[in-house]
């Protein structure tokens, strides 16, 4: 949970430089990092659109997203709506596709797919865009998050203020670790899967 929360905070604050009033698209909004990202973006004053599966639409709305998009029913990067910041945890669309949905000076932050995905499983196109990013108005960033003391303090303050809460899908006893891993690998978890030791 700590790593997911720190990842979401760093993606929004440090890498994405989110500002109050900006429109943020969070792809993978119903997952472990995404549920934190939705809440943190709202705490920073952003308007949030969350992209998720059909079964997670209500969850994404319940944690504060202004809009929730079912990726199986709507093309969220068709260019009709533009975003100041896109956080992509799903890695199932190309960088070129995602850039179409950015404002002229928008930023795309690739946080990495849960299964290795396009960003960290096969870096080809991502490395090209990363190399070009300094010369373009629309920015592309890869995030390699870490747990830092100052981030833990910020998260503590957000939690104590009631602006952020962990979303726990299910808890498993230690004896059911294989089933917990299978559940996580299927990508059906709504938030985090927790093992009780």
Protein backbone atom coordinates (compact mmCIF):
# COMPACT_ATOMS: atom_id res chain seq x y z
CA UNK A 1 0.00 0.00 0.00
CA UNK A 2 2.82 2.41 0.91
CA UNK A 3 4.63 1.90 -2.41
CA UNK A 4 1.39 2.40 -4.40
CA UNK A 5 0.55 5.60 -2.54
CA UNK A 6 4.10 6.98 -2.97
CA UNK A 7 4.03 6.06 -6.67
CA UNK A 8 0.75 7.93 -7.19
CA UNK A 9 2.02 10.98 -5.28
CA UNK A 10 5.33 11.13 -7.18
CA UNK A 11 3.60 10.62 -10.55
CA UNK A 12 1.24 13.53 -9.89
CA UNK A 13 3.38 15.94 -7.89
CA UNK A 14 7.03 15.41 -8.79
CA UNK A 15 6.83 14.07 -12.34
CA UNK A 16 3.50 15.40 -13.61
CA UNK A 17 3.64 18.75 -11.76
CA UNK A 18 -0.15 18.72 -11.31
CA UNK A 19 -1.78 22.09 -10.64
CA UNK A 20 -5.17 23.01 -9.21
CA UNK A 21 -7.75 23.32 -11.97
CA UNK A 22 -5.96 21.03 -14.40
CA UNK A 23 -7.80 18.10 -16.01
CA UNK A 24 -6.08 14.78 -15.26
CA UNK A 25 -6.74 11.46 -17.01
CA UNK A 26 -5.86 8.42 -14.89
CA UNK A 27 -5.70 5.18 -16.86
CA UNK A 28 -5.96 2.22 -14.50
CA UNK A 29 -7.93 4.27 -11.97
CA UNK A 30 -9.42 1.21 -10.25
CA UNK A 31 -6.12 -0.47 -9.44
CA UNK A 32 -3.72 -0.16 -6.53
CA UNK A 33 -1.85 2.94 -7.72
CA UNK A 34 -4.84 4.35 -9.59
CA UNK A 35 -7.15 4.51 -6.58
CA UNK A 36 -4.56 6.57 -4.73
CA UNK A 37 -3.92 8.73 -7.82
CA UNK A 38 -7.60 9.66 -8.17
CA UNK A 39 -7.81 10.78 -4.54
CA UNK A 40 -4.49 12.63 -4.50
CA UNK A 41 -5.26 14.47 -7.75
CA UNK A 42 -8.58 15.61 -6.25
CA UNK A 43 -6.80 16.70 -3.06
CA UNK A 44 -4.52 18.87 -5.23
CA UNK A 45 -7.58 20.51 -6.83
CA UNK A 46 -7.55 18.77 -10.20
CA UNK A 47 -10.55 17.66 -12.24
CA UNK A 48 -10.19 13.89 -12.63
CA UNK A 49 -11.31 11.43 -15.28
CA UNK A 50 -10.64 7.80 -14.37
CA UNK A 51 -10.39 5.00 -16.93
CA UNK A 52 -11.18 1.49 -15.72
CA UNK A 53 -13.11 -1.70 -16.43
CA UNK A 54 -16.90 -1.93 -16.28
CA UNK A 55 -16.82 -3.53 -12.82
CA UNK A 56 -14.78 -0.68 -11.32
CA UNK A 57 -16.78 2.33 -12.60
CA UNK A 58 -18.74 2.78 -9.36
CA UNK A 59 -15.59 2.42 -7.25
CA UNK A 60 -13.73 5.08 -9.26
CA UNK A 61 -16.65 7.50 -8.89
CA UNK A 62 -16.96 6.73 -5.16
CA UNK A 63 -13.36 7.79 -4.48
CA UNK A 64 -13.85 11.18 -6.12
CA UNK A 65 -13.39 10.97 -9.90
CA UNK A 66 -15.44 13.62 -11.68
CA UNK A 67 -15.86 11.27 -14.64
CA UNK A 68 -15.34 7.52 -15.04
CA UNK A 69 -14.79 5.92 -18.45
CA UNK A 70 -15.25 2.23 -19.21
CA UNK A 71 -12.36 1.47 -21.56
CA UNK A 72 -14.33 -1.37 -23.18
CA UNK A 73 -17.08 1.02 -24.28
CA UNK A 74 -15.38 4.31 -25.04
CA UNK A 75 -12.19 5.42 -26.78
CA UNK A 76 -10.72 7.70 -24.14
CA UNK A 77 -7.89 8.98 -26.37
CA UNK A 78 -9.81 9.84 -29.54
CA UNK A 79 -8.78 13.50 -29.19
CA UNK A 80 -12.27 14.87 -28.48
CA UNK A 81 -11.29 15.55 -24.85
CA UNK A 82 -7.86 16.97 -23.99
CA UNK A 83 -6.04 16.55 -20.68
CA UNK A 84 -3.28 18.58 -19.03
CA UNK A 85 -1.82 15.46 -17.44
CA UNK A 86 -2.24 11.76 -18.26
CA UNK A 87 -1.10 9.06 -15.83
CA UNK A 88 -0.96 5.67 -17.48
CA UNK A 89 -0.74 2.61 -15.26
CA UNK A 90 -2.28 0.22 -17.81
CA UNK A 91 0.25 0.49 -20.68
CA UNK A 92 -2.16 -0.85 -23.27
CA UNK A 93 -2.20 2.14 -25.65
CA UNK A 94 0.71 3.53 -27.63
CA UNK A 95 2.40 6.78 -26.65
CA UNK A 96 1.25 8.23 -29.98
CA UNK A 97 -2.39 7.43 -29.12
CA UNK A 98 -2.08 8.96 -25.66
CA UNK A 99 -0.38 12.12 -26.93
CA UNK A 100 -3.47 12.85 -29.07
CA UNK A 101 -5.43 13.34 -25.85
CA UNK A 102 -2.98 15.86 -24.33
CA UNK A 103 -3.38 19.63 -24.36
CA UNK A 104 -0.66 21.42 -26.40
CA UNK A 105 1.59 21.66 -23.32
CA UNK A 106 0.34 18.54 -21.54
CA UNK A 107 2.40 15.81 -19.90
CA UNK A 108 2.13 12.03 -20.15
CA UNK A 109 3.53 10.06 -17.22
CA UNK A 110 4.02 6.33 -17.79
CA UNK A 111 3.92 4.56 -14.47
CA UNK A 112 4.29 1.05 -15.90
CA UNK A 113 1.90 -1.80 -16.47
CA UNK A 114 1.13 -4.37 -13.80
CA UNK A 115 2.40 -7.13 -16.05
CA UNK A 116 5.50 -5.35 -17.32
CA UNK A 117 3.49 -3.86 -20.16
CA UNK A 118 4.67 -1.59 -22.92
CA UNK A 119 6.56 0.82 -20.67
CA UNK A 120 8.85 -1.59 -18.86
CA UNK A 121 8.31 -4.88 -20.71
CA UNK A 122 9.27 -3.53 -24.14
CA UNK A 123 10.59 0.00 -24.16
CA UNK A 124 10.92 0.65 -27.93
CA UNK A 125 8.45 3.47 -28.67
CA UNK A 126 8.66 4.79 -25.10
CA UNK A 127 12.41 5.37 -25.36
CA UNK A 128 11.99 7.24 -28.63
CA UNK A 129 9.40 9.58 -27.10
CA UNK A 130 11.50 9.97 -23.95
CA UNK A 131 14.48 11.05 -26.07
CA UNK A 132 12.33 13.49 -28.07
CA UNK A 133 10.44 14.91 -25.08
CA UNK A 134 12.89 17.77 -24.28
CA UNK A 135 12.31 19.15 -27.78
CA UNK A 136 8.51 18.88 -27.78
CA UNK A 137 5.79 20.96 -26.13
CA UNK A 138 3.93 17.82 -25.01
CA UNK A 139 6.12 16.05 -22.47
CA UNK A 140 6.63 12.33 -21.89
CA UNK A 141 8.01 11.02 -18.61
CA UNK A 142 8.75 7.56 -17.21
CA UNK A 143 8.39 7.15 -13.46
CA UNK A 144 10.55 4.94 -11.29
CA UNK A 145 9.09 5.57 -7.85
CA UNK A 146 10.68 5.05 -4.45
CA UNK A 147 9.52 5.43 -0.86
CA UNK A 148 10.74 8.73 0.60
CA UNK A 149 10.25 10.20 4.05
CA UNK A 150 8.80 13.49 2.75
CA UNK A 151 6.21 11.62 0.68
CA UNK A 152 5.17 9.57 3.70
CA UNK A 153 4.64 12.81 5.62
CA UNK A 154 2.51 14.27 2.82
CA UNK A 155 0.45 11.08 2.61
CA UNK A 156 0.00 11.06 6.40
CA UNK A 157 -1.38 14.59 6.25
CA UNK A 158 -3.76 13.72 3.38
CA UNK A 159 -5.01 10.62 5.21
CA UNK A 160 -5.49 12.50 8.48
CA UNK A 161 -7.41 15.22 6.61
CA UNK A 162 -9.73 12.54 5.21
CA UNK A 163 -8.70 13.25 1.61
CA UNK A 164 -7.06 9.87 0.92
CA UNK A 165 -7.88 6.35 2.07
CA UNK A 166 -6.51 2.99 0.97
CA UNK A 167 -8.94 0.95 -1.13
CA UNK A 168 -8.69 -2.70 -0.12
CA UNK A 169 -10.23 -5.25 -2.47
CA UNK A 170 -9.83 -8.29 -0.26
CA UNK A 171 -7.65 -9.66 2.50
CA UNK A 172 -6.18 -13.17 2.38
CA UNK A 173 -4.61 -15.24 5.18
CA UNK A 174 -1.00 -16.24 4.63
CA UNK A 175 -2.13 -19.78 3.73
CA UNK A 176 -3.98 -18.40 0.66
CA UNK A 177 -1.10 -16.45 -0.90
CA UNK A 178 -1.29 -18.42 -4.20
CA UNK A 179 -4.97 -17.47 -4.62
CA UNK A 180 -4.19 -13.83 -3.76
CA UNK A 181 -1.48 -13.77 -6.44
CA UNK A 182 -3.83 -15.34 -9.00
CA UNK A 183 -6.47 -12.71 -8.20
CA UNK A 184 -3.93 -9.90 -8.64
CA UNK A 185 -2.60 -11.38 -11.90
CA UNK A 186 -6.11 -11.57 -13.37
CA UNK A 187 -6.34 -7.80 -12.92
CA UNK A 188 -9.72 -7.97 -11.20
CA UNK A 189 -8.65 -6.42 -7.90
CA UNK A 190 -10.45 -3.21 -6.95
CA UNK A 191 -7.63 -1.39 -5.20
CA UNK A 192 -5.12 -3.44 -3.22
CA UNK A 193 -4.98 -7.13 -2.29
CA UNK A 194 -3.71 -7.59 1.29
CA UNK A 195 -2.03 -10.63 2.86
CA UNK A 196 -2.54 -11.01 6.62
CA UNK A 197 0.58 -12.34 8.31
